[in-house]
């Protein structure tokens, strides 16, 4: 068996066209992914509604998340994390447009 050490901040490919989503670990009942945003946000009028819970942490950059039923978006800075229950509608309102915003998301 060969063990590989990889860096979360290696191979960042910031794109204004789409977020970069990379599966880091997939096992029964869970998926860990790295998401790199570069100014992306959820399209106006759309909500994310996921079948599984998600724990997400912001590692680099800044972003705002809006949860359905709340009047204003919540600002996130590096180190901030949140657990989003399954089917709890939310949206990414904004991510830093001039540098990569790096997230880790654990879906379970």
PDB file of N, CA and C in Angstrom:
ATOM      1  N   UNK A   1       0.838  -1.175   0.000  1.00  0.00           N
ATOM      2  CA  UNK A   1       0.000   0.000   0.000  1.00  0.00           C
ATOM      3  C   UNK A   1       0.889   1.246   0.000  1.00  0.00           C
ATOM      4  N   UNK A   2       0.544   2.208  -0.843  1.00  0.00           N
ATOM      5  CA  UNK A   2       1.262   3.463  -0.908  1.00  0.00           C
ATOM      6  C   UNK A   2       0.377   4.563  -0.349  1.00  0.00           C
ATOM      7  N   UNK A   3       0.865   5.247   0.652  1.00  0.00           N
ATOM      8  CA  UNK A   3       0.126   6.362   1.220  1.00  0.00           C
ATOM      9  C   UNK A   3       0.549   7.639   0.517  1.00  0.00           C
ATOM     10  N   UNK A   4      -0.416   8.471   0.213  1.00  0.00           N
ATOM     11  CA  UNK A   4      -0.134   9.702  -0.509  1.00  0.00           C
ATOM     12  C   UNK A   4      -0.500  10.900   0.363  1.00  0.00           C
ATOM     13  N   UNK A   5       0.376  11.850   0.438  1.00  0.00           N
ATOM     14  CA  UNK A   5       0.094  13.100   1.133  1.00  0.00           C
ATOM     15  C   UNK A   5      -0.211  14.148   0.071  1.00  0.00           C
ATOM     16  N   UNK A   6      -1.341  14.802   0.242  1.00  0.00           N
ATOM     17  CA  UNK A   6      -1.782  15.820  -0.705  1.00  0.00           C
ATOM     18  C   UNK A   6      -2.149  17.074   0.075  1.00  0.00           C
ATOM     19  N   UNK A   7      -1.997  18.220  -0.547  1.00  0.00           N
ATOM     20  CA  UNK A   7      -2.290  19.490   0.098  1.00  0.00           C
ATOM     21  C   UNK A   7      -3.621  20.033  -0.406  1.00  0.00           C
ATOM     22  N   UNK A   8      -4.494  20.458   0.524  1.00  0.00           N
ATOM     23  CA  UNK A   8      -5.810  20.994   0.153  1.00  0.00           C
ATOM     24  C   UNK A   8      -5.719  22.210  -0.756  1.00  0.00           C
ATOM     25  N   UNK A   9      -4.635  22.945  -0.669  1.00  0.00           N
ATOM     26  CA  UNK A   9      -4.507  24.169  -1.438  1.00  0.00           C
ATOM     27  C   UNK A   9      -3.713  23.978  -2.736  1.00  0.00           C
ATOM     28  N   UNK A  10      -3.326  22.742  -3.015  1.00  0.00           N
ATOM     29  CA  UNK A  10      -2.629  22.441  -4.270  1.00  0.00           C
ATOM     30  C   UNK A  10      -3.648  22.341  -5.399  1.00  0.00           C
ATOM     31  N   UNK A  11      -3.225  22.648  -6.573  1.00  0.00           N
ATOM     32  CA  UNK A  11      -4.033  22.478  -7.777  1.00  0.00           C
ATOM     33  C   UNK A  11      -5.357  23.233  -7.733  1.00  0.00           C
ATOM     34  N   UNK A  12      -5.355  24.404  -7.112  1.00  0.00           N
ATOM     35  CA  UNK A  12      -6.552  25.235  -7.160  1.00  0.00           C
ATOM     36  C   UNK A  12      -6.688  25.777  -8.570  1.00  0.00           C
ATOM     37  N   UNK A  13      -7.840  25.584  -9.152  1.00  0.00           N
ATOM     38  CA  UNK A  13      -8.080  26.049 -10.514  1.00  0.00           C
ATOM     39  C   UNK A  13      -9.257  27.022 -10.476  1.00  0.00           C
ATOM     40  N   UNK A  14      -8.996  28.257 -10.054  1.00  0.00           N
ATOM     41  CA  UNK A  14     -10.104  29.200  -9.988  1.00  0.00           C
ATOM     42  C   UNK A  14     -10.647  29.507 -11.380  1.00  0.00           C
ATOM     43  N   UNK A  15     -11.950  29.433 -11.507  1.00  0.00           N
ATOM     44  CA  UNK A  15     -12.612  29.685 -12.782  1.00  0.00           C
ATOM     45  C   UNK A  15     -13.834  30.544 -12.527  1.00  0.00           C
ATOM     46  N   UNK A  16     -14.031  31.520 -13.344  1.00  0.00           N
ATOM     47  CA  UNK A  16     -15.234  32.335 -13.224  1.00  0.00           C
ATOM     48  C   UNK A  16     -16.438  31.634 -13.849  1.00  0.00           C
ATOM     49  N   UNK A  17     -16.204  30.560 -14.600  1.00  0.00           N
ATOM     50  CA  UNK A  17     -17.296  29.836 -15.258  1.00  0.00           C
ATOM     51  C   UNK A  17     -18.036  28.893 -14.307  1.00  0.00           C
ATOM     52  N   UNK A  18     -17.304  28.194 -13.452  1.00  0.00           N
ATOM     53  CA  UNK A  18     -17.941  27.201 -12.574  1.00  0.00           C
ATOM     54  C   UNK A  18     -17.047  26.917 -11.382  1.00  0.00           C
ATOM     55  N   UNK A  19     -17.679  26.495 -10.288  1.00  0.00           N
ATOM     56  CA  UNK A  19     -16.908  26.069  -9.129  1.00  0.00           C
ATOM     57  C   UNK A  19     -16.168  24.782  -9.462  1.00  0.00           C
ATOM     58  N   UNK A  20     -15.047  24.567  -8.791  1.00  0.00           N
ATOM     59  CA  UNK A  20     -14.287  23.333  -8.921  1.00  0.00           C
ATOM     60  C   UNK A  20     -14.635  22.471  -7.709  1.00  0.00           C
ATOM     61  N   UNK A  21     -15.211  21.305  -7.950  1.00  0.00           N
ATOM     62  CA  UNK A  21     -15.587  20.393  -6.873  1.00  0.00           C
ATOM     63  C   UNK A  21     -14.772  19.118  -7.023  1.00  0.00           C
ATOM     64  N   UNK A  22     -14.038  18.757  -5.964  1.00  0.00           N
ATOM     65  CA  UNK A  22     -13.171  17.580  -5.985  1.00  0.00           C
ATOM     66  C   UNK A  22     -13.531  16.684  -4.811  1.00  0.00           C
ATOM     67  N   UNK A  23     -13.899  15.429  -5.097  1.00  0.00           N
ATOM     68  CA  UNK A  23     -14.131  14.459  -4.029  1.00  0.00           C
ATOM     69  C   UNK A  23     -12.799  14.086  -3.407  1.00  0.00           C
ATOM     70  N   UNK A  24     -12.697  14.235  -2.098  1.00  0.00           N
ATOM     71  CA  UNK A  24     -11.480  13.874  -1.375  1.00  0.00           C
ATOM     72  C   UNK A  24     -11.613  12.508  -0.709  1.00  0.00           C
ATOM     73  N   UNK A  25     -12.819  12.166  -0.308  1.00  0.00           N
ATOM     74  CA  UNK A  25     -13.078  10.893   0.367  1.00  0.00           C
ATOM     75  C   UNK A  25     -14.525  10.513   0.130  1.00  0.00           C
ATOM     76  N   UNK A  26     -14.734   9.300  -0.347  1.00  0.00           N
ATOM     77  CA  UNK A  26     -16.082   8.773  -0.542  1.00  0.00           C
ATOM     78  C   UNK A  26     -16.133   7.423   0.143  1.00  0.00           C
ATOM     79  N   UNK A  27     -17.108   7.257   1.024  1.00  0.00           N
ATOM     80  CA  UNK A  27     -17.301   6.008   1.762  1.00  0.00           C
ATOM     81  C   UNK A  27     -18.803   5.829   1.953  1.00  0.00           C
ATOM     82  N   UNK A  28     -19.238   4.638   2.307  1.00  0.00           N
ATOM     83  CA  UNK A  28     -20.676   4.443   2.503  1.00  0.00           C
ATOM     84  C   UNK A  28     -21.243   5.473   3.482  1.00  0.00           C
ATOM     85  N   UNK A  29     -22.231   6.214   3.009  1.00  0.00           N
ATOM     86  CA  UNK A  29     -22.907   7.172   3.872  1.00  0.00           C
ATOM     87  C   UNK A  29     -22.255   8.531   4.006  1.00  0.00           C
ATOM     88  N   UNK A  30     -21.083   8.740   3.358  1.00  0.00           N
ATOM     89  CA  UNK A  30     -20.481  10.073   3.448  1.00  0.00           C
ATOM     90  C   UNK A  30     -19.619  10.394   2.237  1.00  0.00           C
ATOM     91  N   UNK A  31     -19.530  11.698   1.998  1.00  0.00           N
ATOM     92  CA  UNK A  31     -18.671  12.203   0.927  1.00  0.00           C
ATOM     93  C   UNK A  31     -18.028  13.493   1.433  1.00  0.00           C
ATOM     94  N   UNK A  32     -16.715  13.592   1.310  1.00  0.00           N
ATOM     95  CA  UNK A  32     -15.972  14.790   1.668  1.00  0.00           C
ATOM     96  C   UNK A  32     -15.460  15.410   0.384  1.00  0.00           C
ATOM     97  N   UNK A  33     -15.781  16.688   0.182  1.00  0.00           N
ATOM     98  CA  UNK A  33     -15.357  17.336  -1.049  1.00  0.00           C
ATOM     99  C   UNK A  33     -14.726  18.689  -0.758  1.00  0.00           C
ATOM    100  N   UNK A  34     -13.812  19.065  -1.654  1.00  0.00           N
ATOM    101  CA  UNK A  34     -13.235  20.406  -1.630  1.00  0.00           C
ATOM    102  C   UNK A  34     -13.940  21.187  -2.733  1.00  0.00           C
ATOM    103  N   UNK A  35     -14.388  22.379  -2.378  1.00  0.00           N
ATOM    104  CA  UNK A  35     -15.054  23.247  -3.346  1.00  0.00           C
ATOM    105  C   UNK A  35     -14.230  24.520  -3.460  1.00  0.00           C
ATOM    106  N   UNK A  36     -13.921  24.912  -4.679  1.00  0.00           N
ATOM    107  CA  UNK A  36     -13.207  26.165  -4.929  1.00  0.00           C
ATOM    108  C   UNK A  36     -14.140  27.078  -5.710  1.00  0.00           C
ATOM    109  N   UNK A  37     -14.506  28.188  -5.081  1.00  0.00           N
ATOM    110  CA  UNK A  37     -15.356  29.201  -5.720  1.00  0.00           C
ATOM    111  C   UNK A  37     -14.476  30.386  -6.094  1.00  0.00           C
ATOM    112  N   UNK A  38     -14.884  31.075  -7.130  1.00  0.00           N
ATOM    113  CA  UNK A  38     -14.154  32.268  -7.565  1.00  0.00           C
ATOM    114  C   UNK A  38     -15.190  33.290  -8.021  1.00  0.00           C
ATOM    115  N   UNK A  39     -15.976  33.760  -7.036  1.00  0.00           N
ATOM    116  CA  UNK A  39     -17.032  34.715  -7.344  1.00  0.00           C
ATOM    117  C   UNK A  39     -18.375  34.076  -7.654  1.00  0.00           C
ATOM    118  N   UNK A  40     -18.481  32.736  -7.579  1.00  0.00           N
ATOM    119  CA  UNK A  40     -19.754  32.095  -7.875  1.00  0.00           C
ATOM    120  C   UNK A  40     -20.756  32.268  -6.741  1.00  0.00           C
ATOM    121  N   UNK A  41     -22.020  32.217  -7.087  1.00  0.00           N
ATOM    122  CA  UNK A  41     -23.123  32.263  -6.137  1.00  0.00           C
ATOM    123  C   UNK A  41     -24.255  31.421  -6.710  1.00  0.00           C
ATOM    124  N   UNK A  42     -25.191  31.050  -5.869  1.00  0.00           N
ATOM    125  CA  UNK A  42     -26.374  30.333  -6.340  1.00  0.00           C
ATOM    126  C   UNK A  42     -27.168  31.296  -7.234  1.00  0.00           C
ATOM    127  N   UNK A  43     -27.628  30.835  -8.390  1.00  0.00           N
ATOM    128  CA  UNK A  43     -28.377  31.729  -9.284  1.00  0.00           C
ATOM    129  C   UNK A  43     -29.592  32.356  -8.583  1.00  0.00           C
ATOM    130  N   UNK A  44     -29.921  33.591  -8.935  1.00  0.00           N
ATOM    131  CA  UNK A  44     -31.063  34.265  -8.312  1.00  0.00           C
ATOM    132  C   UNK A  44     -32.340  33.421  -8.399  1.00  0.00           C
ATOM    133  N   UNK A  45     -33.066  33.375  -7.293  1.00  0.00           N
ATOM    134  CA  UNK A  45     -34.328  32.635  -7.250  1.00  0.00           C
ATOM    135  C   UNK A  45     -34.183  31.145  -7.008  1.00  0.00           C
ATOM    136  N   UNK A  46     -32.960  30.615  -7.024  1.00  0.00           N
ATOM    137  CA  UNK A  46     -32.742  29.189  -6.802  1.00  0.00           C
ATOM    138  C   UNK A  46     -32.282  28.943  -5.371  1.00  0.00           C
ATOM    139  N   UNK A  47     -32.616  27.750  -4.866  1.00  0.00           N
ATOM    140  CA  UNK A  47     -32.207  27.322  -3.524  1.00  0.00           C
ATOM    141  C   UNK A  47     -31.546  25.963  -3.617  1.00  0.00           C
ATOM    142  N   UNK A  48     -30.589  25.702  -2.746  1.00  0.00           N
ATOM    143  CA  UNK A  48     -29.997  24.372  -2.617  1.00  0.00           C
ATOM    144  C   UNK A  48     -30.854  23.601  -1.617  1.00  0.00           C
ATOM    145  N   UNK A  49     -31.255  22.397  -2.001  1.00  0.00           N
ATOM    146  CA  UNK A  49     -32.103  21.545  -1.161  1.00  0.00           C
ATOM    147  C   UNK A  49     -31.547  20.133  -1.310  1.00  0.00           C
ATOM    148  N   UNK A  50     -30.735  19.708  -0.351  1.00  0.00           N
ATOM    149  CA  UNK A  50     -29.978  18.465  -0.464  1.00  0.00           C
ATOM    150  C   UNK A  50     -30.637  17.330   0.312  1.00  0.00           C
ATOM    151  N   UNK A  51     -30.475  16.130  -0.217  1.00  0.00           N
ATOM    152  CA  UNK A  51     -31.055  14.940   0.415  1.00  0.00           C
ATOM    153  C   UNK A  51     -30.336  14.536   1.690  1.00  0.00           C
ATOM    154  N   UNK A  52     -29.089  14.962   1.844  1.00  0.00           N
ATOM    155  CA  UNK A  52     -28.310  14.590   3.029  1.00  0.00           C
ATOM    156  C   UNK A  52     -27.861  15.836   3.775  1.00  0.00           C
ATOM    157  N   UNK A  53     -27.549  15.657   5.056  1.00  0.00           N
ATOM    158  CA  UNK A  53     -27.001  16.760   5.850  1.00  0.00           C
ATOM    159  C   UNK A  53     -25.607  17.101   5.318  1.00  0.00           C
ATOM    160  N   UNK A  54     -25.201  18.337   5.588  1.00  0.00           N
ATOM    161  CA  UNK A  54     -23.887  18.799   5.138  1.00  0.00           C
ATOM    162  C   UNK A  54     -23.244  19.611   6.260  1.00  0.00           C
ATOM    163  N   UNK A  55     -22.000  19.294   6.550  1.00  0.00           N
ATOM    164  CA  UNK A  55     -21.171  20.100   7.440  1.00  0.00           C
ATOM    165  C   UNK A  55     -20.172  20.776   6.524  1.00  0.00           C
ATOM    166  N   UNK A  56     -20.108  22.104   6.572  1.00  0.00           N
ATOM    167  CA  UNK A  56     -19.233  22.824   5.657  1.00  0.00           C
ATOM    168  C   UNK A  56     -18.400  23.831   6.445  1.00  0.00           C
ATOM    169  N   UNK A  57     -17.120  23.930   6.084  1.00  0.00           N
ATOM    170  CA  UNK A  57     -16.208  24.889   6.703  1.00  0.00           C
ATOM    171  C   UNK A  57     -15.537  25.709   5.603  1.00  0.00           C
ATOM    172  N   UNK A  58     -15.401  26.988   5.868  1.00  0.00           N
ATOM    173  CA  UNK A  58     -14.709  27.874   4.948  1.00  0.00           C
ATOM    174  C   UNK A  58     -13.237  27.941   5.365  1.00  0.00           C
ATOM    175  N   UNK A  59     -12.342  27.618   4.446  1.00  0.00           N
ATOM    176  CA  UNK A  59     -10.912  27.576   4.743  1.00  0.00           C
ATOM    177  C   UNK A  59     -10.151  28.805   4.250  1.00  0.00           C
ATOM    178  N   UNK A  60     -10.610  29.379   3.147  1.00  0.00           N
ATOM    179  CA  UNK A  60      -9.908  30.518   2.543  1.00  0.00           C
ATOM    180  C   UNK A  60     -10.936  31.383   1.821  1.00  0.00           C
ATOM    181  N   UNK A  61     -10.723  32.692   1.831  1.00  0.00           N
ATOM    182  CA  UNK A  61     -11.651  33.602   1.179  1.00  0.00           C
ATOM    183  C   UNK A  61     -12.788  33.974   2.124  1.00  0.00           C
ATOM    184  N   UNK A  62     -13.820  34.567   1.561  1.00  0.00           N
ATOM    185  CA  UNK A  62     -15.012  34.914   2.332  1.00  0.00           C
ATOM    186  C   UNK A  62     -16.245  34.609   1.493  1.00  0.00           C
ATOM    187  N   UNK A  63     -17.377  34.468   2.183  1.00  0.00           N
ATOM    188  CA  UNK A  63     -18.616  34.124   1.494  1.00  0.00           C
ATOM    189  C   UNK A  63     -19.797  34.539   2.354  1.00  0.00           C
ATOM    190  N   UNK A  64     -20.974  34.556   1.752  1.00  0.00           N
ATOM    191  CA  UNK A  64     -22.202  34.734   2.525  1.00  0.00           C
ATOM    192  C   UNK A  64     -23.176  33.630   2.153  1.00  0.00           C
ATOM    193  N   UNK A  65     -23.867  33.108   3.174  1.00  0.00           N
ATOM    194  CA  UNK A  65     -24.892  32.084   3.012  1.00  0.00           C
ATOM    195  C   UNK A  65     -26.218  32.647   3.499  1.00  0.00           C
ATOM    196  N   UNK A  66     -27.286  32.357   2.765  1.00  0.00           N
ATOM    197  CA  UNK A  66     -28.630  32.745   3.178  1.00  0.00           C
ATOM    198  C   UNK A  66     -29.434  31.477   3.385  1.00  0.00           C
ATOM    199  N   UNK A  67     -30.091  31.380   4.525  1.00  0.00           N
ATOM    200  CA  UNK A  67     -30.951  30.243   4.839  1.00  0.00           C
ATOM    201  C   UNK A  67     -32.400  30.686   4.696  1.00  0.00           C
ATOM    202  N   UNK A  68     -33.212  29.823   4.097  1.00  0.00           N
ATOM    203  CA  UNK A  68     -34.612  30.165   3.869  1.00  0.00           C
ATOM    204  C   UNK A  68     -35.270  30.575   5.189  1.00  0.00           C
ATOM    205  N   UNK A  69     -36.037  31.647   5.131  1.00  0.00           N
ATOM    206  CA  UNK A  69     -36.723  32.138   6.313  1.00  0.00           C
ATOM    207  C   UNK A  69     -35.956  33.193   7.080  1.00  0.00           C
ATOM    208  N   UNK A  70     -34.694  33.390   6.746  1.00  0.00           N
ATOM    209  CA  UNK A  70     -33.904  34.425   7.419  1.00  0.00           C
ATOM    210  C   UNK A  70     -33.894  35.697   6.568  1.00  0.00           C
ATOM    211  N   UNK A  71     -33.869  36.834   7.232  1.00  0.00           N
ATOM    212  CA  UNK A  71     -33.951  38.121   6.545  1.00  0.00           C
ATOM    213  C   UNK A  71     -32.655  38.521   5.836  1.00  0.00           C
ATOM    214  N   UNK A  72     -31.526  38.078   6.370  1.00  0.00           N
ATOM    215  CA  UNK A  72     -30.256  38.493   5.772  1.00  0.00           C
ATOM    216  C   UNK A  72     -29.265  37.331   5.764  1.00  0.00           C
ATOM    217  N   UNK A  73     -28.306  37.450   4.843  1.00  0.00           N
ATOM    218  CA  UNK A  73     -27.278  36.411   4.691  1.00  0.00           C
ATOM    219  C   UNK A  73     -26.281  36.493   5.839  1.00  0.00           C
ATOM    220  N   UNK A  74     -25.664  35.358   6.113  1.00  0.00           N
ATOM    221  CA  UNK A  74     -24.635  35.273   7.156  1.00  0.00           C
ATOM    222  C   UNK A  74     -23.257  35.317   6.504  1.00  0.00           C
ATOM    223  N   UNK A  75     -22.390  36.170   7.030  1.00  0.00           N
ATOM    224  CA  UNK A  75     -21.030  36.287   6.503  1.00  0.00           C
ATOM    225  C   UNK A  75     -20.150  35.205   7.109  1.00  0.00           C
ATOM    226  N   UNK A  76     -19.356  34.557   6.267  1.00  0.00           N
ATOM    227  CA  UNK A  76     -18.403  33.553   6.717  1.00  0.00           C
ATOM    228  C   UNK A  76     -16.993  34.013   6.410  1.00  0.00           C
ATOM    229  N   UNK A  77     -16.101  33.736   7.351  1.00  0.00           N
ATOM    230  CA  UNK A  77     -14.675  34.016   7.173  1.00  0.00           C
ATOM    231  C   UNK A  77     -13.920  32.712   7.419  1.00  0.00           C
ATOM    232  N   UNK A  78     -12.651  32.629   7.081  1.00  0.00           N
ATOM    233  CA  UNK A  78     -11.907  31.389   7.284  1.00  0.00           C
ATOM    234  C   UNK A  78     -12.045  30.868   8.715  1.00  0.00           C
ATOM    235  N   UNK A  79     -12.349  29.583   8.802  1.00  0.00           N
ATOM    236  CA  UNK A  79     -12.534  28.918  10.086  1.00  0.00           C
ATOM    237  C   UNK A  79     -13.985  28.769  10.484  1.00  0.00           C
ATOM    238  N   UNK A  80     -14.888  29.536   9.868  1.00  0.00           N
ATOM    239  CA  UNK A  80     -16.307  29.423  10.196  1.00  0.00           C
ATOM    240  C   UNK A  80     -16.882  28.152   9.572  1.00  0.00           C
ATOM    241  N   UNK A  81     -17.752  27.483  10.329  1.00  0.00           N
ATOM    242  CA  UNK A  81     -18.399  26.279   9.810  1.00  0.00           C
ATOM    243  C   UNK A  81     -19.838  26.222  10.283  1.00  0.00           C
ATOM    244  N   UNK A  82     -20.629  25.419   9.565  1.00  0.00           N
ATOM    245  CA  UNK A  82     -22.053  25.275   9.870  1.00  0.00           C
ATOM    246  C   UNK A  82     -22.497  23.871   9.474  1.00  0.00           C
ATOM    247  N   UNK A  83     -23.448  23.332  10.234  1.00  0.00           N
ATOM    248  CA  UNK A  83     -24.096  22.074   9.872  1.00  0.00           C
ATOM    249  C   UNK A  83     -25.458  22.419   9.294  1.00  0.00           C
ATOM    250  N   UNK A  84     -25.712  21.947   8.082  1.00  0.00           N
ATOM    251  CA  UNK A  84     -26.966  22.228   7.381  1.00  0.00           C
ATOM    252  C   UNK A  84     -27.755  20.923   7.312  1.00  0.00           C
ATOM    253  N   UNK A  85     -28.905  20.844   7.986  1.00  0.00           N
ATOM    254  CA  UNK A  85     -29.699  19.614   7.951  1.00  0.00           C
ATOM    255  C   UNK A  85     -30.180  19.298   6.527  1.00  0.00           C
ATOM    256  N   UNK A  86     -30.465  18.035   6.280  1.00  0.00           N
ATOM    257  CA  UNK A  86     -31.027  17.634   4.989  1.00  0.00           C
ATOM    258  C   UNK A  86     -32.302  18.437   4.720  1.00  0.00           C
ATOM    259  N   UNK A  87     -32.472  18.841   3.488  1.00  0.00           N
ATOM    260  CA  UNK A  87     -33.647  19.581   3.006  1.00  0.00           C
ATOM    261  C   UNK A  87     -33.834  20.947   3.659  1.00  0.00           C
ATOM    262  N   UNK A  88     -32.791  21.489   4.274  1.00  0.00           N
ATOM    263  CA  UNK A  88     -32.838  22.853   4.818  1.00  0.00           C
ATOM    264  C   UNK A  88     -32.376  23.769   3.696  1.00  0.00           C
ATOM    265  N   UNK A  89     -33.316  24.442   3.085  1.00  0.00           N
ATOM    266  CA  UNK A  89     -33.001  25.236   1.888  1.00  0.00           C
ATOM    267  C   UNK A  89     -32.082  26.410   2.227  1.00  0.00           C
ATOM    268  N   UNK A  90     -31.081  26.569   1.360  1.00  0.00           N
ATOM    269  CA  UNK A  90     -30.084  27.614   1.549  1.00  0.00           C
ATOM    270  C   UNK A  90     -29.494  27.988   0.203  1.00  0.00           C
ATOM    271  N   UNK A  91     -28.746  29.072   0.206  1.00  0.00           N
ATOM    272  CA  UNK A  91     -28.099  29.503  -1.025  1.00  0.00           C
ATOM    273  C   UNK A  91     -26.806  30.240  -0.702  1.00  0.00           C
ATOM    274  N   UNK A  92     -25.869  30.159  -1.616  1.00  0.00           N
ATOM    275  CA  UNK A  92     -24.632  30.931  -1.519  1.00  0.00           C
ATOM    276  C   UNK A  92     -24.935  32.266  -2.194  1.00  0.00           C
ATOM    277  N   UNK A  93     -24.938  33.329  -1.399  1.00  0.00           N
ATOM    278  CA  UNK A  93     -25.254  34.656  -1.928  1.00  0.00           C
ATOM    279  C   UNK A  93     -24.058  35.300  -2.621  1.00  0.00           C
ATOM    280  N   UNK A  94     -22.844  35.007  -2.116  1.00  0.00           N
ATOM    281  CA  UNK A  94     -21.660  35.710  -2.611  1.00  0.00           C
ATOM    282  C   UNK A  94     -20.414  34.962  -2.198  1.00  0.00           C
ATOM    283  N   UNK A  95     -19.404  34.943  -3.061  1.00  0.00           N
ATOM    284  CA  UNK A  95     -18.066  34.485  -2.698  1.00  0.00           C
ATOM    285  C   UNK A  95     -17.058  35.509  -3.223  1.00  0.00           C
ATOM    286  N   UNK A  96     -15.904  35.557  -2.615  1.00  0.00           N
ATOM    287  CA  UNK A  96     -14.862  36.505  -2.983  1.00  0.00           C
ATOM    288  C   UNK A  96     -14.593  36.433  -4.486  1.00  0.00           C
ATOM    289  N   UNK A  97     -14.697  37.552  -5.201  1.00  0.00           N
ATOM    290  CA  UNK A  97     -14.512  37.504  -6.658  1.00  0.00           C
ATOM    291  C   UNK A  97     -13.073  37.597  -7.129  1.00  0.00           C
ATOM    292  N   UNK A  98     -12.154  37.997  -6.252  1.00  0.00           N
ATOM    293  CA  UNK A  98     -10.787  38.257  -6.719  1.00  0.00           C
ATOM    294  C   UNK A  98      -9.749  37.290  -6.165  1.00  0.00           C
ATOM    295  N   UNK A  99     -10.209  36.244  -5.474  1.00  0.00           N
ATOM    296  CA  UNK A  99      -9.298  35.199  -4.991  1.00  0.00           C
ATOM    297  C   UNK A  99     -10.119  33.926  -4.776  1.00  0.00           C
ATOM    298  N   UNK A 100      -9.467  32.772  -4.758  1.00  0.00           N
ATOM    299  CA  UNK A 100     -10.222  31.535  -4.535  1.00  0.00           C
ATOM    300  C   UNK A 100     -10.835  31.492  -3.132  1.00  0.00           C
ATOM    301  N   UNK A 101     -12.077  31.067  -3.073  1.00  0.00           N
ATOM    302  CA  UNK A 101     -12.738  30.750  -1.815  1.00  0.00           C
ATOM    303  C   UNK A 101     -12.728  29.232  -1.722  1.00  0.00           C
ATOM    304  N   UNK A 102     -12.136  28.690  -0.657  1.00  0.00           N
ATOM    305  CA  UNK A 102     -11.964  27.238  -0.539  1.00  0.00           C
ATOM    306  C   UNK A 102     -12.820  26.737   0.616  1.00  0.00           C
ATOM    307  N   UNK A 103     -13.647  25.759   0.328  1.00  0.00           N
ATOM    308  CA  UNK A 103     -14.552  25.134   1.280  1.00  0.00           C
ATOM    309  C   UNK A 103     -14.222  23.661   1.414  1.00  0.00           C
ATOM    310  N   UNK A 104     -14.518  23.088   2.564  1.00  0.00           N
ATOM    311  CA  UNK A 104     -14.598  21.626   2.740  1.00  0.00           C
ATOM    312  C   UNK A 104     -16.044  21.339   3.089  1.00  0.00           C
ATOM    313  N   UNK A 105     -16.631  20.375   2.405  1.00  0.00           N
ATOM    314  CA  UNK A 105     -18.017  20.007   2.660  1.00  0.00           C
ATOM    315  C   UNK A 105     -18.086  18.507   2.921  1.00  0.00           C
ATOM    316  N   UNK A 106     -18.668  18.146   4.040  1.00  0.00           N
ATOM    317  CA  UNK A 106     -18.877  16.747   4.401  1.00  0.00           C
ATOM    318  C   UNK A 106     -20.371  16.466   4.320  1.00  0.00           C
ATOM    319  N   UNK A 107     -20.736  15.611   3.369  1.00  0.00           N
ATOM    320  CA  UNK A 107     -22.142  15.206   3.187  1.00  0.00           C
ATOM    321  C   UNK A 107     -22.321  13.850   3.843  1.00  0.00           C
ATOM    322  N   UNK A 108     -23.346  13.735   4.690  1.00  0.00           N
ATOM    323  CA  UNK A 108     -23.560  12.469   5.408  1.00  0.00           C
ATOM    324  C   UNK A 108     -25.041  12.195   5.598  1.00  0.00           C
TER     325      UNK A 108
END
